[in-house]
N, C-alpha and C. Protein backbone atom coordinates (compact mmCIF):
# COMPACT_ATOMS: atom_id res chain seq x y z
N MET A 1 0.85 -1.17 0.00
CA MET A 1 0.00 0.00 0.00
C MET A 1 0.90 1.24 0.00
N ALA A 2 0.54 2.19 -0.81
CA ALA A 2 1.32 3.44 -0.89
C ALA A 2 1.21 4.21 0.42
N ARG A 3 2.21 5.02 0.69
CA ARG A 3 2.24 5.80 1.93
C ARG A 3 2.37 7.29 1.61
N LYS A 4 1.77 8.08 2.49
CA LYS A 4 1.90 9.52 2.40
C LYS A 4 3.29 9.92 2.90
N PRO A 5 3.72 11.15 2.63
CA PRO A 5 5.00 11.61 3.17
C PRO A 5 5.04 11.55 4.70
N THR A 6 3.87 11.57 5.33
CA THR A 6 3.83 11.49 6.79
C THR A 6 4.04 10.07 7.29
N GLY A 7 4.01 9.08 6.40
CA GLY A 7 4.21 7.70 6.79
C GLY A 7 2.92 6.92 6.95
N LYS A 8 1.77 7.60 6.87
CA LYS A 8 0.49 6.90 7.02
C LYS A 8 0.08 6.32 5.66
N PRO A 9 -0.56 5.13 5.65
CA PRO A 9 -0.99 4.55 4.39
C PRO A 9 -2.10 5.36 3.73
N VAL A 10 -2.18 5.26 2.40
CA VAL A 10 -3.21 5.96 1.63
C VAL A 10 -4.38 5.00 1.44
N GLY A 11 -5.57 5.50 1.64
CA GLY A 11 -6.76 4.69 1.40
C GLY A 11 -7.09 3.77 2.56
N ARG A 12 -8.17 3.00 2.36
CA ARG A 12 -8.61 2.07 3.38
C ARG A 12 -7.74 0.82 3.37
N PRO A 13 -7.65 0.16 4.50
CA PRO A 13 -6.92 -1.11 4.49
C PRO A 13 -7.70 -2.16 3.69
N GLU A 14 -6.97 -3.08 3.08
CA GLU A 14 -7.59 -4.11 2.26
C GLU A 14 -8.38 -5.06 3.15
N LYS A 15 -9.62 -5.35 2.74
CA LYS A 15 -10.44 -6.27 3.50
C LYS A 15 -9.96 -7.69 3.26
N PRO A 16 -9.97 -8.51 4.30
CA PRO A 16 -9.48 -9.88 4.13
C PRO A 16 -10.43 -10.73 3.28
N PHE A 17 -9.86 -11.71 2.61
CA PHE A 17 -10.62 -12.65 1.79
C PHE A 17 -10.34 -14.05 2.31
N ASP A 18 -11.38 -14.77 2.70
CA ASP A 18 -11.23 -16.12 3.24
C ASP A 18 -11.59 -17.13 2.15
N PRO A 19 -10.60 -17.71 1.47
CA PRO A 19 -10.91 -18.63 0.37
C PRO A 19 -11.63 -19.88 0.83
N GLN A 20 -11.37 -20.35 2.04
CA GLN A 20 -12.03 -21.56 2.53
C GLN A 20 -13.52 -21.32 2.71
N LEU A 21 -13.88 -20.18 3.30
CA LEU A 21 -15.29 -19.84 3.46
C LEU A 21 -15.94 -19.63 2.10
N PHE A 22 -15.24 -18.99 1.17
CA PHE A 22 -15.76 -18.80 -0.19
C PHE A 22 -16.10 -20.14 -0.82
N GLU A 23 -15.20 -21.13 -0.72
CA GLU A 23 -15.43 -22.44 -1.31
C GLU A 23 -16.62 -23.14 -0.67
N GLN A 24 -16.77 -23.01 0.64
CA GLN A 24 -17.91 -23.63 1.33
C GLN A 24 -19.22 -22.99 0.90
N LEU A 25 -19.22 -21.67 0.74
CA LEU A 25 -20.44 -20.97 0.33
C LEU A 25 -20.82 -21.33 -1.11
N CYS A 26 -19.82 -21.51 -1.97
CA CYS A 26 -20.09 -21.98 -3.33
C CYS A 26 -20.71 -23.37 -3.29
N GLY A 27 -20.21 -24.21 -2.39
CA GLY A 27 -20.69 -25.57 -2.26
C GLY A 27 -22.14 -25.68 -1.86
N ILE A 28 -22.64 -24.66 -1.16
CA ILE A 28 -24.07 -24.68 -0.79
C ILE A 28 -24.88 -23.77 -1.71
N HIS A 29 -24.32 -23.44 -2.87
CA HIS A 29 -25.01 -22.73 -3.95
C HIS A 29 -25.46 -21.32 -3.57
N CYS A 30 -24.64 -20.61 -2.79
CA CYS A 30 -24.95 -19.22 -2.47
C CYS A 30 -24.73 -18.34 -3.71
N THR A 31 -25.46 -17.25 -3.80
CA THR A 31 -25.30 -16.31 -4.90
C THR A 31 -24.09 -15.41 -4.63
N ARG A 32 -23.68 -14.64 -5.64
CA ARG A 32 -22.57 -13.70 -5.47
C ARG A 32 -22.82 -12.73 -4.33
N SER A 33 -24.02 -12.18 -4.32
CA SER A 33 -24.32 -11.18 -3.28
C SER A 33 -24.34 -11.81 -1.89
N GLU A 34 -24.82 -13.04 -1.78
CA GLU A 34 -24.81 -13.72 -0.48
C GLU A 34 -23.39 -13.99 -0.01
N ILE A 35 -22.53 -14.44 -0.93
CA ILE A 35 -21.13 -14.71 -0.58
C ILE A 35 -20.44 -13.42 -0.16
N ALA A 36 -20.66 -12.36 -0.94
CA ALA A 36 -20.05 -11.07 -0.61
C ALA A 36 -20.53 -10.58 0.75
N SER A 37 -21.79 -10.77 1.04
CA SER A 37 -22.34 -10.36 2.33
C SER A 37 -21.70 -11.14 3.47
N MET A 38 -21.52 -12.44 3.29
CA MET A 38 -20.91 -13.26 4.34
C MET A 38 -19.44 -12.89 4.56
N LEU A 39 -18.75 -12.51 3.49
CA LEU A 39 -17.34 -12.12 3.59
C LEU A 39 -17.18 -10.65 3.97
N LYS A 40 -18.32 -9.93 4.05
CA LYS A 40 -18.34 -8.51 4.41
C LYS A 40 -17.54 -7.65 3.43
N ILE A 41 -17.71 -7.96 2.13
CA ILE A 41 -17.10 -7.17 1.06
C ILE A 41 -18.16 -6.95 -0.02
N CYS A 42 -17.93 -6.00 -0.91
CA CYS A 42 -18.90 -5.77 -1.99
C CYS A 42 -18.67 -6.82 -3.09
N VAL A 43 -19.64 -6.95 -3.97
CA VAL A 43 -19.59 -7.96 -5.02
C VAL A 43 -18.40 -7.74 -5.95
N ASP A 44 -18.12 -6.49 -6.31
CA ASP A 44 -16.98 -6.21 -7.19
C ASP A 44 -15.66 -6.62 -6.54
N THR A 45 -15.54 -6.36 -5.24
CA THR A 45 -14.33 -6.75 -4.52
C THR A 45 -14.22 -8.27 -4.47
N LEU A 46 -15.35 -8.95 -4.28
CA LEU A 46 -15.36 -10.41 -4.27
C LEU A 46 -14.80 -10.96 -5.57
N VAL A 47 -15.29 -10.44 -6.68
CA VAL A 47 -14.84 -10.92 -7.99
C VAL A 47 -13.34 -10.67 -8.14
N LEU A 48 -12.87 -9.50 -7.75
CA LEU A 48 -11.43 -9.19 -7.84
C LEU A 48 -10.59 -10.11 -6.96
N ARG A 49 -11.04 -10.34 -5.71
CA ARG A 49 -10.27 -11.19 -4.80
C ARG A 49 -10.20 -12.63 -5.30
N VAL A 50 -11.33 -13.12 -5.83
CA VAL A 50 -11.34 -14.49 -6.36
C VAL A 50 -10.39 -14.62 -7.54
N GLU A 51 -10.42 -13.65 -8.45
CA GLU A 51 -9.54 -13.69 -9.62
C GLU A 51 -8.07 -13.54 -9.21
N GLU A 52 -7.78 -12.73 -8.18
CA GLU A 52 -6.40 -12.59 -7.69
C GLU A 52 -5.92 -13.88 -7.02
N HIS A 53 -6.78 -14.47 -6.19
CA HIS A 53 -6.37 -15.64 -5.41
C HIS A 53 -6.23 -16.89 -6.26
N TYR A 54 -7.22 -17.14 -7.14
CA TYR A 54 -7.23 -18.37 -7.91
C TYR A 54 -6.59 -18.23 -9.29
N GLY A 55 -6.44 -17.01 -9.76
CA GLY A 55 -5.85 -16.78 -11.08
C GLY A 55 -6.75 -17.19 -12.23
N GLU A 56 -8.05 -17.29 -11.97
CA GLU A 56 -9.03 -17.68 -12.99
C GLU A 56 -10.24 -16.76 -12.89
N ASP A 57 -11.08 -16.83 -13.91
CA ASP A 57 -12.31 -16.05 -13.94
C ASP A 57 -13.23 -16.50 -12.80
N TYR A 58 -13.98 -15.58 -12.23
CA TYR A 58 -14.86 -15.87 -11.10
C TYR A 58 -15.82 -17.01 -11.41
N SER A 59 -16.46 -16.95 -12.58
CA SER A 59 -17.48 -17.95 -12.91
C SER A 59 -16.91 -19.36 -12.98
N LEU A 60 -15.68 -19.51 -13.47
CA LEU A 60 -15.06 -20.84 -13.52
C LEU A 60 -14.78 -21.38 -12.12
N VAL A 61 -14.26 -20.52 -11.27
CA VAL A 61 -13.96 -20.94 -9.89
C VAL A 61 -15.26 -21.28 -9.16
N TYR A 62 -16.28 -20.44 -9.33
CA TYR A 62 -17.57 -20.68 -8.67
C TYR A 62 -18.15 -22.03 -9.10
N LYS A 63 -18.15 -22.30 -10.40
CA LYS A 63 -18.70 -23.57 -10.89
C LYS A 63 -17.95 -24.77 -10.33
N ARG A 64 -16.63 -24.66 -10.25
CA ARG A 64 -15.82 -25.77 -9.75
C ARG A 64 -16.23 -26.12 -8.32
N TYR A 65 -16.36 -25.11 -7.47
CA TYR A 65 -16.69 -25.37 -6.08
C TYR A 65 -18.17 -25.62 -5.86
N GLN A 66 -18.99 -25.19 -6.78
CA GLN A 66 -20.42 -25.47 -6.71
C GLN A 66 -20.66 -26.96 -6.95
N GLU A 67 -19.85 -27.58 -7.78
CA GLU A 67 -19.99 -29.00 -8.06
C GLU A 67 -19.80 -29.85 -6.81
N THR A 68 -18.95 -29.41 -5.89
CA THR A 68 -18.78 -30.16 -4.64
C THR A 68 -20.08 -30.18 -3.85
N GLY A 69 -20.87 -29.13 -3.98
CA GLY A 69 -22.18 -29.09 -3.32
C GLY A 69 -23.12 -30.12 -3.90
N LYS A 70 -23.01 -30.39 -5.20
CA LYS A 70 -23.87 -31.40 -5.82
C LYS A 70 -23.55 -32.78 -5.26
N CYS A 71 -22.28 -33.05 -5.00
CA CYS A 71 -21.91 -34.33 -4.39
C CYS A 71 -22.56 -34.46 -3.02
N SER A 72 -22.54 -33.37 -2.28
CA SER A 72 -23.13 -33.37 -0.95
C SER A 72 -24.64 -33.59 -1.04
N VAL A 73 -25.29 -32.95 -2.01
CA VAL A 73 -26.74 -33.12 -2.20
C VAL A 73 -27.04 -34.57 -2.55
N ARG A 74 -26.24 -35.16 -3.41
CA ARG A 74 -26.46 -36.55 -3.79
C ARG A 74 -26.32 -37.47 -2.56
N ARG A 75 -25.33 -37.21 -1.73
CA ARG A 75 -25.12 -38.01 -0.51
C ARG A 75 -26.33 -37.85 0.42
N ASN A 76 -26.78 -36.61 0.62
CA ASN A 76 -27.94 -36.36 1.48
C ASN A 76 -29.21 -36.95 0.89
N GLN A 77 -29.33 -36.88 -0.43
CA GLN A 77 -30.52 -37.43 -1.08
C GLN A 77 -30.58 -38.93 -0.83
N PHE A 78 -29.46 -39.59 -0.91
CA PHE A 78 -29.41 -41.02 -0.66
C PHE A 78 -29.82 -41.32 0.78
N ALA A 79 -29.31 -40.54 1.73
CA ALA A 79 -29.67 -40.74 3.14
C ALA A 79 -31.14 -40.43 3.39
N LEU A 80 -31.64 -39.34 2.79
CA LEU A 80 -33.05 -38.95 2.99
C LEU A 80 -34.02 -39.91 2.32
N SER A 81 -33.60 -40.54 1.25
CA SER A 81 -34.52 -41.43 0.53
C SER A 81 -34.98 -42.59 1.40
N LYS A 82 -34.24 -42.88 2.44
CA LYS A 82 -34.65 -43.94 3.37
C LYS A 82 -35.81 -43.49 4.25
N LYS A 83 -35.95 -42.18 4.44
CA LYS A 83 -36.96 -41.65 5.35
C LYS A 83 -38.04 -40.83 4.65
N ASN A 84 -37.64 -39.98 3.71
CA ASN A 84 -38.56 -39.01 3.12
C ASN A 84 -38.35 -38.98 1.61
N THR A 85 -39.14 -39.74 0.88
CA THR A 85 -38.97 -39.82 -0.57
C THR A 85 -39.31 -38.51 -1.26
N ALA A 86 -40.28 -37.77 -0.76
CA ALA A 86 -40.66 -36.50 -1.41
C ALA A 86 -39.49 -35.52 -1.39
N MET A 87 -38.79 -35.45 -0.26
CA MET A 87 -37.64 -34.54 -0.16
C MET A 87 -36.52 -35.00 -1.09
N ALA A 88 -36.29 -36.28 -1.16
CA ALA A 88 -35.25 -36.81 -2.04
C ALA A 88 -35.56 -36.51 -3.50
N ILE A 89 -36.81 -36.64 -3.90
CA ILE A 89 -37.20 -36.35 -5.28
C ILE A 89 -37.03 -34.87 -5.57
N TRP A 90 -37.47 -34.02 -4.64
CA TRP A 90 -37.34 -32.57 -4.85
C TRP A 90 -35.89 -32.16 -4.98
N LEU A 91 -35.02 -32.64 -4.10
CA LEU A 91 -33.60 -32.32 -4.17
C LEU A 91 -33.00 -32.76 -5.51
N GLY A 92 -33.38 -33.93 -5.95
CA GLY A 92 -32.87 -34.44 -7.22
C GLY A 92 -33.31 -33.57 -8.40
N LYS A 93 -34.54 -33.11 -8.37
CA LYS A 93 -35.04 -32.27 -9.46
C LYS A 93 -34.34 -30.91 -9.47
N VAL A 94 -34.22 -30.31 -8.30
CA VAL A 94 -33.68 -28.96 -8.21
C VAL A 94 -32.18 -28.91 -8.49
N TYR A 95 -31.43 -29.79 -7.85
CA TYR A 95 -29.98 -29.67 -7.92
C TYR A 95 -29.30 -30.63 -8.89
N LEU A 96 -29.93 -31.74 -9.20
CA LEU A 96 -29.27 -32.73 -10.04
C LEU A 96 -29.88 -32.86 -11.43
N GLY A 97 -30.92 -32.07 -11.71
CA GLY A 97 -31.52 -32.09 -13.04
C GLY A 97 -32.35 -33.33 -13.32
N GLN A 98 -32.74 -34.05 -12.30
CA GLN A 98 -33.58 -35.23 -12.50
C GLN A 98 -35.00 -34.76 -12.78
N ARG A 99 -35.77 -35.60 -13.47
CA ARG A 99 -37.15 -35.22 -13.78
C ARG A 99 -38.02 -36.46 -13.85
N ASP A 100 -39.33 -36.24 -13.80
CA ASP A 100 -40.29 -37.34 -13.92
C ASP A 100 -40.40 -37.76 -15.37
N MET A 101 -40.62 -39.04 -15.58
CA MET A 101 -40.82 -39.54 -16.93
C MET A 101 -42.32 -39.52 -17.21
N ASP A 102 -42.72 -39.02 -18.37
CA ASP A 102 -44.12 -39.05 -18.77
C ASP A 102 -44.48 -40.47 -19.16
N GLU A 103 -45.76 -40.78 -19.10
CA GLU A 103 -46.21 -42.12 -19.46
C GLU A 103 -45.84 -42.47 -20.89
N VAL A 104 -45.92 -41.48 -21.80
CA VAL A 104 -45.58 -41.74 -23.20
C VAL A 104 -44.10 -42.09 -23.32
N GLU A 105 -43.25 -41.39 -22.58
CA GLU A 105 -41.81 -41.66 -22.63
C GLU A 105 -41.51 -43.05 -22.08
N LYS A 106 -42.25 -43.46 -21.04
CA LYS A 106 -42.02 -44.77 -20.45
C LYS A 106 -42.40 -45.89 -21.42
N GLN A 107 -43.54 -45.71 -22.11
CA GLN A 107 -44.01 -46.75 -23.02
C GLN A 107 -43.24 -46.73 -24.32
N ASN A 108 -42.90 -45.55 -24.80
CA ASN A 108 -42.14 -45.39 -26.03
C ASN A 108 -42.77 -46.16 -27.20
N ARG A 109 -44.09 -46.04 -27.31
CA ARG A 109 -44.81 -46.73 -28.39
C ARG A 109 -45.42 -45.70 -29.33
N PRO A 110 -45.50 -46.03 -30.62
CA PRO A 110 -46.15 -45.09 -31.55
C PRO A 110 -47.66 -45.08 -31.34
N ILE A 111 -48.28 -43.96 -31.67
CA ILE A 111 -49.73 -43.82 -31.58
C ILE A 111 -50.29 -43.92 -32.99
N ASN A 112 -51.24 -44.81 -33.17
CA ASN A 112 -51.88 -44.96 -34.48
C ASN A 112 -52.98 -43.92 -34.62
N ILE A 113 -53.02 -43.25 -35.78
CA ILE A 113 -54.03 -42.23 -36.04
C ILE A 113 -54.70 -42.54 -37.36
N ASN A 114 -56.04 -42.53 -37.35
CA ASN A 114 -56.82 -42.70 -38.57
C ASN A 114 -57.44 -41.36 -38.94
N ILE A 115 -57.32 -40.99 -40.21
CA ILE A 115 -57.97 -39.78 -40.70
C ILE A 115 -59.21 -40.23 -41.45
N VAL A 116 -60.36 -39.78 -40.94
CA VAL A 116 -61.64 -40.21 -41.49
C VAL A 116 -62.30 -39.02 -42.15
N GLN A 117 -62.73 -39.23 -43.41
CA GLN A 117 -63.40 -38.17 -44.14
C GLN A 117 -64.89 -38.51 -44.18
N ASP A 118 -65.72 -37.59 -43.69
CA ASP A 118 -67.16 -37.80 -43.67
C ASP A 118 -67.77 -37.01 -44.83
N PRO A 119 -68.21 -37.69 -45.90
CA PRO A 119 -68.74 -36.97 -47.08
C PRO A 119 -70.09 -36.31 -46.83
N TYR A 120 -70.78 -36.69 -45.76
CA TYR A 120 -72.12 -36.16 -45.52
C TYR A 120 -72.12 -34.95 -44.59
N LYS A 121 -71.00 -34.71 -43.94
CA LYS A 121 -70.93 -33.60 -43.01
C LYS A 121 -70.15 -32.46 -43.66
N LYS A 122 -70.72 -31.27 -43.66
CA LYS A 122 -70.08 -30.09 -44.23
C LYS A 122 -69.51 -29.24 -43.11
N ASP A 123 -68.37 -28.54 -43.39
CA ASP A 123 -67.74 -27.69 -42.39
C ASP A 123 -68.60 -26.48 -42.05
N ASP A 124 -69.13 -25.82 -43.06
CA ASP A 124 -70.01 -24.68 -42.83
C ASP A 124 -70.94 -24.53 -44.04
N LYS A 125 -71.81 -23.56 -44.00
CA LYS A 125 -72.83 -23.40 -45.04
C LYS A 125 -72.24 -23.05 -46.40
N HIS A 126 -71.16 -22.25 -46.41
CA HIS A 126 -70.63 -21.74 -47.66
C HIS A 126 -69.51 -22.61 -48.24
N ASN A 127 -69.04 -23.57 -47.51
CA ASN A 127 -67.93 -24.40 -47.96
C ASN A 127 -68.46 -25.79 -48.30
N ASN A 128 -68.21 -26.26 -49.49
CA ASN A 128 -68.71 -27.56 -49.92
C ASN A 128 -67.70 -28.68 -49.72
N THR A 129 -66.58 -28.40 -49.05
CA THR A 129 -65.58 -29.45 -48.83
C THR A 129 -66.02 -30.32 -47.68
N PRO A 130 -65.80 -31.61 -47.78
CA PRO A 130 -66.22 -32.51 -46.71
C PRO A 130 -65.38 -32.31 -45.45
N SER A 131 -65.95 -32.65 -44.33
CA SER A 131 -65.27 -32.52 -43.03
C SER A 131 -64.29 -33.67 -42.84
N VAL A 132 -63.19 -33.40 -42.16
CA VAL A 132 -62.18 -34.41 -41.86
C VAL A 132 -62.03 -34.48 -40.35
N SER A 133 -62.03 -35.67 -39.79
CA SER A 133 -61.80 -35.83 -38.36
C SER A 133 -60.64 -36.79 -38.14
N VAL A 134 -59.97 -36.63 -37.03
CA VAL A 134 -58.83 -37.47 -36.68
C VAL A 134 -59.20 -38.29 -35.46
N GLN A 135 -58.98 -39.59 -35.52
CA GLN A 135 -59.27 -40.47 -34.40
C GLN A 135 -58.01 -41.22 -34.01
N ALA A 136 -57.72 -41.24 -32.72
CA ALA A 136 -56.60 -42.03 -32.23
C ALA A 136 -57.09 -43.45 -32.03
N VAL A 137 -56.34 -44.40 -32.55
CA VAL A 137 -56.71 -45.80 -32.45
C VAL A 137 -55.87 -46.44 -31.36
N PRO A 138 -56.51 -46.98 -30.32
CA PRO A 138 -55.72 -47.58 -29.25
C PRO A 138 -55.01 -48.85 -29.73
N ASP A 139 -53.80 -49.02 -29.23
CA ASP A 139 -53.03 -50.22 -29.53
C ASP A 139 -53.61 -51.34 -28.67
N SER A 140 -53.78 -52.52 -29.22
CA SER A 140 -54.37 -53.61 -28.47
C SER A 140 -53.54 -54.02 -27.27
N SER A 141 -52.23 -53.78 -27.32
CA SER A 141 -51.35 -54.14 -26.20
C SER A 141 -51.39 -53.12 -25.08
N MET A 142 -52.04 -51.96 -25.33
CA MET A 142 -52.07 -50.90 -24.32
C MET A 142 -53.28 -51.02 -23.40
N GLY A 143 -54.14 -51.98 -23.59
CA GLY A 143 -55.32 -52.10 -22.74
C GLY A 143 -56.54 -51.68 -23.50
N SER A 144 -57.66 -51.68 -22.81
CA SER A 144 -58.94 -51.39 -23.47
C SER A 144 -59.47 -50.02 -23.07
N GLY A 145 -58.61 -49.04 -22.94
CA GLY A 145 -59.05 -47.70 -22.58
C GLY A 145 -59.70 -46.99 -23.75
N LYS A 146 -60.69 -46.11 -23.47
CA LYS A 146 -61.35 -45.36 -24.53
C LYS A 146 -60.49 -44.17 -24.92
N VAL A 147 -60.50 -43.83 -26.20
CA VAL A 147 -59.71 -42.72 -26.70
C VAL A 147 -60.62 -41.66 -27.24
């Protein structure tokens, strides 16, 4: 830090940066402003300190340490699944990108469609073209549900 001719430093003293706390906060998916608040520095200072300490862009460092939080979520999800399945499912959806499978995706079967032209039914008074309707035909292996 530069000094005045009187020997006193110029400007405010540099605020400390705790890299261990920063990494832990990234691991629990805190936002930039939350991390800066916990470290008692402004967001711009946070970005500068991270880039000085790690020698990389803030977003790269944040993503690296955020991934450790995903491991922790997966471990907790496994432990919670023994007691509370709803919480385990929610955690998986939010943090791990898991999702529910739709019934169509589970069956992965094509849907048969018949296009039926009714020559006796007209669309409207002024149009002489016959009406066309689409009917889904149930697959015999899918059960006897009405379509």
